[in-house]
N, C-alpha and C. Protein backbone atom coordinates (compact mmCIF):
# COMPACT_ATOMS: atom_id res chain seq x y z
N MET A 1 74.30 81.84 -212.83
CA MET A 1 74.59 80.21 -212.82
C MET A 1 73.51 79.37 -213.80
N CYS A 2 74.35 78.44 -214.42
CA CYS A 2 73.43 77.81 -215.67
C CYS A 2 72.70 76.68 -214.58
N THR A 3 71.47 76.61 -214.89
CA THR A 3 70.32 76.01 -214.77
C THR A 3 70.21 74.31 -214.98
N TYR A 4 70.71 74.18 -216.25
CA TYR A 4 70.42 72.79 -217.11
C TYR A 4 71.97 72.67 -217.02
N ALA A 5 73.26 73.00 -216.53
CA ALA A 5 74.64 72.16 -216.60
C ALA A 5 74.84 71.48 -215.36
N PHE A 6 73.80 71.81 -213.84
CA PHE A 6 73.99 70.40 -212.99
C PHE A 6 73.28 69.60 -212.85
N VAL A 7 72.13 69.74 -213.27
CA VAL A 7 70.86 69.21 -212.97
C VAL A 7 70.43 68.80 -214.50
N HIS A 8 69.84 67.24 -214.64
CA HIS A 8 69.71 66.89 -216.20
C HIS A 8 67.85 66.86 -216.18
N TYR A 9 67.18 67.90 -216.48
CA TYR A 9 65.83 67.78 -216.68
C TYR A 9 65.56 67.07 -217.67
N LYS A 10 64.00 66.67 -217.34
CA LYS A 10 63.41 65.53 -218.18
C LYS A 10 62.52 66.55 -219.25
N LEU A 11 62.69 66.02 -220.31
CA LEU A 11 62.05 66.83 -221.59
C LEU A 11 60.53 66.43 -221.52
N HIS A 12 59.68 67.26 -222.32
CA HIS A 12 58.38 66.62 -222.95
C HIS A 12 58.53 66.25 -224.31
N TYR A 13 57.73 65.20 -224.04
CA TYR A 13 57.39 64.77 -225.25
C TYR A 13 55.72 64.43 -225.90
N ALA A 14 55.26 64.54 -227.14
CA ALA A 14 54.38 64.74 -227.13
C ALA A 14 54.02 63.72 -228.78
N CYS A 15 52.47 62.98 -228.11
CA CYS A 15 52.44 62.13 -229.73
C CYS A 15 51.02 63.09 -229.82
N VAL A 16 51.01 63.48 -231.22
CA VAL A 16 50.41 64.36 -232.04
C VAL A 16 49.14 63.77 -232.62
N SER A 17 49.49 62.58 -233.18
CA SER A 17 48.44 61.48 -233.25
C SER A 17 47.73 61.17 -232.50
N CYS A 18 47.77 60.95 -230.60
CA CYS A 18 47.14 60.57 -229.80
C CYS A 18 46.73 61.45 -228.86
N ARG A 19 47.07 62.77 -229.27
CA ARG A 19 47.05 63.75 -228.17
C ARG A 19 47.25 63.93 -227.09
N ILE A 20 49.04 63.30 -226.78
CA ILE A 20 49.04 62.83 -225.23
C ILE A 20 50.56 63.29 -225.09
N GLY A 21 51.16 63.78 -224.25
CA GLY A 21 52.38 64.40 -223.77
C GLY A 21 53.16 63.42 -222.89
N PHE A 22 54.64 63.64 -222.66
CA PHE A 22 54.93 62.43 -221.15
C PHE A 22 56.24 63.34 -221.22
N LYS A 23 56.58 62.94 -220.11
CA LYS A 23 58.21 63.48 -219.78
C LYS A 23 58.95 62.66 -219.41
N ARG A 24 60.26 63.00 -220.49
CA ARG A 24 61.32 61.55 -220.42
C ARG A 24 62.41 62.16 -220.60
N HIS A 25 63.60 61.55 -220.10
CA HIS A 25 64.75 61.89 -220.18
C HIS A 25 65.25 61.51 -221.94
N PRO A 26 66.26 62.60 -222.16
CA PRO A 26 66.44 62.72 -223.87
C PRO A 26 67.61 61.20 -223.72
N ARG A 27 67.50 60.11 -225.36
CA ARG A 27 68.12 59.55 -225.43
C ARG A 27 68.35 59.30 -226.88
N ASP A 28 69.16 58.80 -227.23
CA ASP A 28 69.70 59.11 -229.02
C ASP A 28 68.74 57.83 -229.48
N ALA A 29 68.31 57.19 -229.33
CA ALA A 29 67.49 56.07 -230.02
C ALA A 29 65.84 56.71 -230.09
N GLY A 30 65.32 57.92 -229.03
CA GLY A 30 64.16 58.13 -229.25
C GLY A 30 63.18 57.76 -228.67
N HIS A 31 62.06 58.07 -228.36
CA HIS A 31 61.27 57.28 -227.72
C HIS A 31 59.64 56.96 -228.55
N THR A 32 58.72 56.01 -227.93
CA THR A 32 57.92 55.97 -228.71
C THR A 32 56.72 55.81 -227.80
N CYS A 33 55.67 56.02 -228.65
CA CYS A 33 54.51 56.45 -227.78
C CYS A 33 53.92 54.95 -227.61
N PRO A 34 53.53 54.57 -225.90
CA PRO A 34 52.76 53.43 -225.01
C PRO A 34 51.64 53.33 -226.06
N ARG A 35 50.89 53.86 -226.79
CA ARG A 35 49.46 54.05 -227.28
C ARG A 35 49.40 53.37 -228.76
N CYS A 36 50.84 54.11 -229.76
CA CYS A 36 50.14 53.55 -230.83
C CYS A 36 52.01 53.34 -231.38
N ALA A 37 52.66 53.46 -230.88
CA ALA A 37 53.68 53.08 -231.23
C ALA A 37 54.98 53.65 -231.85
N ALA A 38 54.15 55.44 -232.37
CA ALA A 38 54.50 55.90 -233.17
C ALA A 38 56.09 56.69 -232.35
N PRO A 39 56.74 57.42 -233.42
CA PRO A 39 57.74 57.79 -232.21
C PRO A 39 57.30 59.79 -231.85
N LEU A 40 57.57 59.83 -230.72
CA LEU A 40 57.23 60.98 -230.19
C LEU A 40 58.34 62.40 -230.56
N LEU A 41 57.61 63.16 -230.55
CA LEU A 41 58.56 64.46 -231.16
C LEU A 41 58.79 65.24 -229.54
N CYS A 42 60.11 65.51 -229.71
CA CYS A 42 60.22 66.55 -228.40
C CYS A 42 59.94 67.81 -228.75
N ALA A 43 59.13 68.07 -227.32
CA ALA A 43 58.76 69.35 -227.73
C ALA A 43 59.21 70.62 -226.60
N GLY A 44 60.00 70.24 -225.85
CA GLY A 44 61.34 71.14 -225.43
C GLY A 44 60.80 70.72 -223.28
N HIS A 45 61.36 71.66 -222.73
CA HIS A 45 61.19 72.01 -221.28
C HIS A 45 59.74 72.47 -221.28
N ASP A 46 59.27 73.48 -221.29
CA ASP A 46 58.00 74.57 -221.21
C ASP A 46 57.00 73.74 -221.78
N PHE A 47 57.21 72.86 -222.93
CA PHE A 47 55.20 72.44 -223.10
C PHE A 47 54.14 72.20 -221.91
N ALA A 48 53.58 73.03 -222.51
CA ALA A 48 51.95 72.56 -221.44
C ALA A 48 51.47 71.70 -222.54
N ALA A 49 50.95 70.75 -222.02
CA ALA A 49 49.77 69.61 -223.39
C ALA A 49 48.81 70.06 -223.47
N PRO A 50 48.05 70.46 -224.32
CA PRO A 50 46.71 70.71 -224.13
C PRO A 50 45.61 69.50 -223.32
N ARG A 51 44.14 69.77 -223.59
CA ARG A 51 43.30 68.67 -223.20
C ARG A 51 43.48 67.61 -224.32
N ARG A 52 43.16 66.19 -223.94
CA ARG A 52 43.26 65.43 -225.39
C ARG A 52 42.03 66.33 -225.72
N SER A 53 41.02 66.39 -225.48
CA SER A 53 39.62 66.85 -226.28
C SER A 53 39.69 68.11 -227.16
N ASP A 54 40.89 68.71 -226.83
CA ASP A 54 41.01 70.33 -227.50
C ASP A 54 41.79 69.53 -228.93
N ARG A 55 40.77 69.53 -229.96
CA ARG A 55 41.74 69.12 -230.97
C ARG A 55 42.48 70.24 -231.86
N LYS A 56 41.84 71.50 -231.31
CA LYS A 56 42.16 72.72 -231.97
C LYS A 56 43.20 72.97 -232.07
N ALA A 57 43.70 72.84 -230.44
CA ALA A 57 44.98 73.49 -229.98
C ALA A 57 45.94 72.31 -230.31
N TRP A 58 45.73 70.93 -230.32
CA TRP A 58 46.51 69.88 -230.83
C TRP A 58 47.11 70.19 -232.17
N SER A 59 46.08 70.83 -233.12
CA SER A 59 46.83 70.98 -234.48
C SER A 59 47.59 71.51 -234.46
N VAL A 60 47.41 72.90 -233.66
CA VAL A 60 48.54 74.11 -233.64
C VAL A 60 49.89 73.58 -233.05
N VAL A 61 49.88 72.72 -232.15
CA VAL A 61 50.98 71.88 -231.63
C VAL A 61 51.55 70.74 -232.86
N ALA A 62 51.13 70.61 -233.44
CA ALA A 62 51.28 69.48 -234.60
C ALA A 62 52.27 70.08 -235.43
N VAL A 63 51.77 71.68 -235.70
CA VAL A 63 52.20 72.51 -237.31
C VAL A 63 53.40 72.94 -236.17
N VAL A 64 53.65 73.19 -235.33
CA VAL A 64 55.09 73.97 -234.49
C VAL A 64 55.83 72.85 -234.30
N LEU A 65 55.48 71.53 -233.91
CA LEU A 65 56.44 70.92 -233.52
C LEU A 65 57.29 69.84 -235.05
N GLY A 66 55.91 70.16 -235.57
CA GLY A 66 56.50 69.66 -237.38
C GLY A 66 57.53 70.51 -238.02
N ALA A 67 57.41 71.95 -237.52
CA ALA A 67 58.28 72.84 -238.34
C ALA A 67 59.83 72.84 -237.68
N GLY A 68 59.66 71.94 -236.60
CA GLY A 68 61.03 71.80 -235.91
C GLY A 68 60.90 72.47 -234.88
N LEU A 69 59.92 73.33 -234.55
CA LEU A 69 60.29 74.11 -233.21
C LEU A 69 60.17 73.05 -231.75
N ARG A 70 60.73 73.96 -230.50
CA ARG A 70 60.52 73.35 -229.27
C ARG A 70 59.46 74.49 -228.73
N TYR A 71 59.40 74.07 -227.78
CA TYR A 71 58.43 74.89 -226.76
C TYR A 71 59.56 75.22 -225.47
N GLU A 72 60.60 76.30 -225.73
CA GLU A 72 61.77 76.55 -224.90
C GLU A 72 61.46 77.76 -224.28
N GLY A 73 61.78 78.21 -222.93
CA GLY A 73 61.45 79.18 -222.03
C GLY A 73 63.27 79.78 -221.91
N PHE A 74 63.50 78.93 -221.61
CA PHE A 74 65.33 79.01 -220.92
C PHE A 74 66.26 79.35 -222.22
N GLU A 75 67.21 80.21 -222.11
CA GLU A 75 68.25 79.93 -222.86
C GLU A 75 69.00 78.28 -223.13
N PRO A 76 69.44 78.08 -224.07
CA PRO A 76 70.23 76.46 -224.15
C PRO A 76 71.07 76.15 -222.86
N CYS A 77 71.85 77.07 -222.27
CA CYS A 77 72.28 76.75 -221.14
C CYS A 77 71.73 77.05 -219.58
N GLY A 78 70.65 77.58 -219.92
CA GLY A 78 69.57 77.74 -218.56
C GLY A 78 69.78 79.38 -218.13
N CYS A 79 70.85 79.73 -218.91
CA CYS A 79 71.58 81.31 -217.82
C CYS A 79 70.00 82.30 -217.82
N GLY A 80 69.35 82.43 -218.93
CA GLY A 80 68.56 83.77 -218.96
C GLY A 80 67.37 83.29 -219.55
N ARG A 81 66.28 83.96 -218.70
CA ARG A 81 64.87 83.22 -219.42
C ARG A 81 63.95 84.31 -220.26
N ASP A 82 64.06 84.06 -221.64
CA ASP A 82 63.80 84.73 -222.71
C ASP A 82 62.68 84.03 -223.53
N PRO A 83 61.66 83.78 -223.28
CA PRO A 83 60.19 83.12 -223.49
C PRO A 83 60.01 83.42 -225.06
N LYS A 84 60.00 82.12 -225.38
CA LYS A 84 60.15 82.76 -227.07
C LYS A 84 58.45 82.42 -227.32
N PHE A 85 58.42 82.98 -228.53
CA PHE A 85 56.65 83.06 -228.98
C PHE A 85 56.41 81.92 -229.81
N ARG A 86 55.47 81.22 -229.09
CA ARG A 86 54.71 80.45 -229.97
C ARG A 86 52.87 80.15 -230.36
N PRO A 87 52.95 80.26 -231.87
CA PRO A 87 51.24 80.40 -231.81
C PRO A 87 50.36 79.40 -230.92
N ARG A 88 49.03 80.13 -230.25
CA ARG A 88 48.65 79.50 -229.42
C ARG A 88 46.96 79.26 -230.54
N THR A 89 46.74 79.56 -231.78
CA THR A 89 45.10 79.61 -232.31
C THR A 89 45.65 79.12 -233.87
N ARG A 90 44.76 78.36 -234.27
CA ARG A 90 44.69 78.24 -235.53
C ARG A 90 45.14 79.71 -236.72
N ALA A 91 44.25 80.44 -236.50
CA ALA A 91 43.99 81.60 -236.92
C ALA A 91 46.03 82.38 -237.17
N GLN A 92 46.20 82.42 -235.71
CA GLN A 92 47.76 82.55 -235.60
C GLN A 92 48.67 82.40 -236.96
N VAL A 93 48.60 80.36 -236.76
CA VAL A 93 49.17 80.00 -237.45
C VAL A 93 48.89 80.10 -239.10
N ARG A 94 47.60 79.90 -239.40
CA ARG A 94 47.23 80.47 -240.79
C ARG A 94 47.30 82.03 -241.19
N ALA A 95 47.51 82.65 -240.46
CA ALA A 95 48.18 84.12 -240.59
C ALA A 95 49.44 83.98 -241.34
N ARG A 96 50.29 83.15 -240.53
CA ARG A 96 51.76 82.63 -240.90
C ARG A 96 52.41 82.30 -241.76
N ARG A 97 51.08 81.48 -242.49
CA ARG A 97 51.33 80.57 -243.62
C ARG A 97 51.06 81.23 -244.61
N VAL A 98 49.90 82.24 -244.42
CA VAL A 98 49.99 83.16 -245.88
C VAL A 98 50.98 84.01 -246.15
N ILE A 99 51.52 84.85 -244.83
CA ILE A 99 52.85 85.52 -244.66
C ILE A 99 53.83 84.83 -245.63
N ALA A 100 54.30 83.67 -244.92
CA ALA A 100 55.41 82.73 -245.59
C ALA A 100 54.70 82.50 -247.31
N ALA A 101 54.19 82.36 -247.69
CA ALA A 101 53.55 81.90 -249.08
C ALA A 101 53.84 83.06 -249.87
N ARG A 102 53.69 84.32 -249.35
CA ARG A 102 53.58 85.50 -250.01
C ARG A 102 54.93 86.14 -249.99
N THR A 103 55.86 86.10 -248.55
CA THR A 103 57.33 86.62 -248.84
C THR A 103 58.12 85.56 -248.95
N GLY A 104 57.58 84.36 -249.11
CA GLY A 104 58.62 83.43 -249.21
C GLY A 104 59.73 83.00 -248.04
N VAL A 105 59.62 83.32 -246.61
CA VAL A 105 59.97 83.48 -245.42
C VAL A 105 59.93 82.02 -245.04
N PRO A 106 60.89 81.05 -244.79
CA PRO A 106 60.22 79.96 -243.91
C PRO A 106 59.26 79.65 -243.18
N LEU A 107 58.51 79.31 -243.34
CA LEU A 107 57.44 78.98 -242.37
C LEU A 107 58.07 78.62 -240.49
N ALA A 108 58.90 77.90 -240.50
CA ALA A 108 59.82 77.85 -239.27
C ALA A 108 59.78 78.98 -238.29
N GLU A 109 60.43 80.00 -239.42
CA GLU A 109 61.27 81.25 -238.48
C GLU A 109 59.79 82.02 -238.66
N LEU A 110 58.69 82.09 -239.10
CA LEU A 110 57.67 83.11 -238.96
C LEU A 110 56.98 82.62 -237.83
N LEU A 111 57.11 81.22 -237.35
CA LEU A 111 56.23 80.97 -236.50
C LEU A 111 56.94 81.05 -235.02
N GLY A 112 58.11 81.38 -234.89
CA GLY A 112 58.65 82.30 -233.91
C GLY A 112 58.85 83.52 -233.50
N ARG A 113 58.12 83.96 -234.54
CA ARG A 113 58.20 85.73 -234.56
C ARG A 113 56.70 85.63 -233.81
N ALA A 114 56.45 86.82 -232.96
CA ALA A 114 55.13 87.74 -232.41
C ALA A 114 54.57 87.92 -233.04
N ASP A 115 55.36 89.03 -234.12
CA ASP A 115 54.86 89.78 -235.30
C ASP A 115 55.03 89.25 -236.51
N PRO A 116 54.44 88.60 -237.06
CA PRO A 116 54.84 88.10 -238.76
C PRO A 116 55.73 89.17 -239.50
N LEU A 117 55.10 90.01 -239.46
CA LEU A 117 55.74 91.03 -240.46
C LEU A 117 56.48 92.10 -240.04
N GLU A 118 56.87 91.94 -238.48
CA GLU A 118 58.22 92.66 -238.75
C GLU A 118 59.29 91.82 -238.91
N PRO A 119 60.10 92.72 -240.14
CA PRO A 119 61.30 92.29 -240.57
C PRO A 119 62.78 91.97 -239.29
N ARG A 120 63.16 90.96 -239.78
CA ARG A 120 64.17 90.34 -238.98
C ARG A 120 65.32 91.45 -238.66
């Protein structure tokens, strides 16, 4: 049964500069941060915002969302649950940036791999 076919769940949105997350229904015009009026980045259905005081974790979230990735655990229709890998530490991001520079593979693709050296 398709989970997302019958119910329209709210998505997580994040403001990286304020280090804050919200749940909102998606809309075409986008959402703005109530604190700084900057546009919120869509983080997906399964985003868990780190604590506001955890600057290191928010820097990782900024890289992942800046690369255009989202935190999703369900397939787009919601039928299967296949958690996607997202880096959690700055060391994981740094290793993927080095490999992207050496191999020429886009950073967004390497951020989605659990093992960045594994060929697709």
